[in-house]
Amino acid sequence: MSDSMDKTIERINELARKAKTVGLTDAEIDERNELRKKYIEAFRGNLKVQLDSIKFTDEEN
């Protein structure tokens, strides 16, 4: 995983812990939503690359 994605995940986790304890400001809620969106887009992109690299073979031949 890239260093920037590691930092993104770390920040998402920090905000999640804070949300459970003291709550988040409106700015932090917006930041959390943007970071989650960025993470999901990266995850989907990586999954697509993995799925596109799968090669099927015909076992009957």
Protein backbone atom coordinates (compact mmCIF):
# COMPACT_ATOMS: atom_id res chain seq x y z
CA MET A 1 0.00 0.00 0.00
CA SER A 2 1.30 3.47 -0.76
CA ASP A 3 2.46 5.84 1.95
CA SER A 4 -0.31 8.33 1.13
CA MET A 5 -2.96 5.62 1.43
CA ASP A 6 -1.46 4.52 4.76
CA LYS A 7 -1.73 8.10 5.99
CA THR A 8 -5.31 8.32 4.71
CA ILE A 9 -6.28 5.17 6.61
CA GLU A 10 -4.50 6.41 9.72
CA ARG A 11 -6.40 9.70 9.59
CA ILE A 12 -9.73 7.93 9.00
CA ASN A 13 -9.04 5.84 12.09
CA GLU A 14 -8.11 8.91 14.14
CA LEU A 15 -11.37 10.58 13.18
CA ALA A 16 -13.33 7.40 13.94
CA ARG A 17 -11.84 7.23 17.44
CA LYS A 18 -12.56 10.90 18.03
CA ALA A 19 -16.13 10.51 16.75
CA LYS A 20 -16.71 7.77 19.33
CA THR A 21 -15.28 9.79 22.23
CA VAL A 22 -15.79 13.54 21.94
CA GLY A 23 -17.49 13.92 18.58
CA LEU A 24 -16.43 15.66 15.40
CA THR A 25 -16.72 19.23 14.20
CA ASP A 26 -18.50 19.92 10.92
CA ALA A 27 -15.11 20.39 9.24
CA GLU A 28 -13.89 17.05 10.57
CA ILE A 29 -17.06 15.32 9.36
CA ASP A 30 -16.47 16.77 5.89
CA GLU A 31 -12.81 15.67 6.02
CA ARG A 32 -13.82 12.16 7.13
CA ASN A 33 -16.33 11.87 4.29
CA GLU A 34 -13.75 12.99 1.70
CA LEU A 35 -11.13 10.58 3.07
CA ARG A 36 -13.60 7.70 3.01
CA LYS A 37 -14.53 8.54 -0.57
CA LYS A 38 -10.84 8.64 -1.56
CA TYR A 39 -10.21 5.29 0.15
CA ILE A 40 -13.20 3.59 -1.50
CA GLU A 41 -12.17 4.86 -4.95
CA ALA A 42 -8.64 3.50 -4.45
CA PHE A 43 -10.00 0.18 -3.18
CA ARG A 44 -12.31 -0.19 -6.18
CA GLY A 45 -9.49 0.72 -8.55
CA ASN A 46 -7.19 -1.91 -7.05
CA LEU A 47 -9.94 -4.52 -7.13
CA LYS A 48 -10.66 -3.77 -10.78
CA VAL A 49 -6.99 -4.20 -11.67
CA GLN A 50 -6.93 -7.55 -9.87
CA LEU A 51 -10.12 -8.75 -11.53
CA ASP A 52 -8.96 -7.59 -14.96
CA SER A 53 -5.76 -9.60 -14.57
CA ILE A 54 -7.60 -12.90 -14.01
CA LYS A 55 -7.26 -15.24 -16.95
CA PHE A 56 -9.74 -18.07 -17.39
CA THR A 57 -8.66 -21.34 -18.88
CA ASP A 58 -10.76 -24.06 -20.39
CA GLU A 59 -10.09 -27.21 -18.40
CA GLU A 60 -11.66 -29.45 -21.06
CA ASN A 61 -8.90 -28.76 -23.62
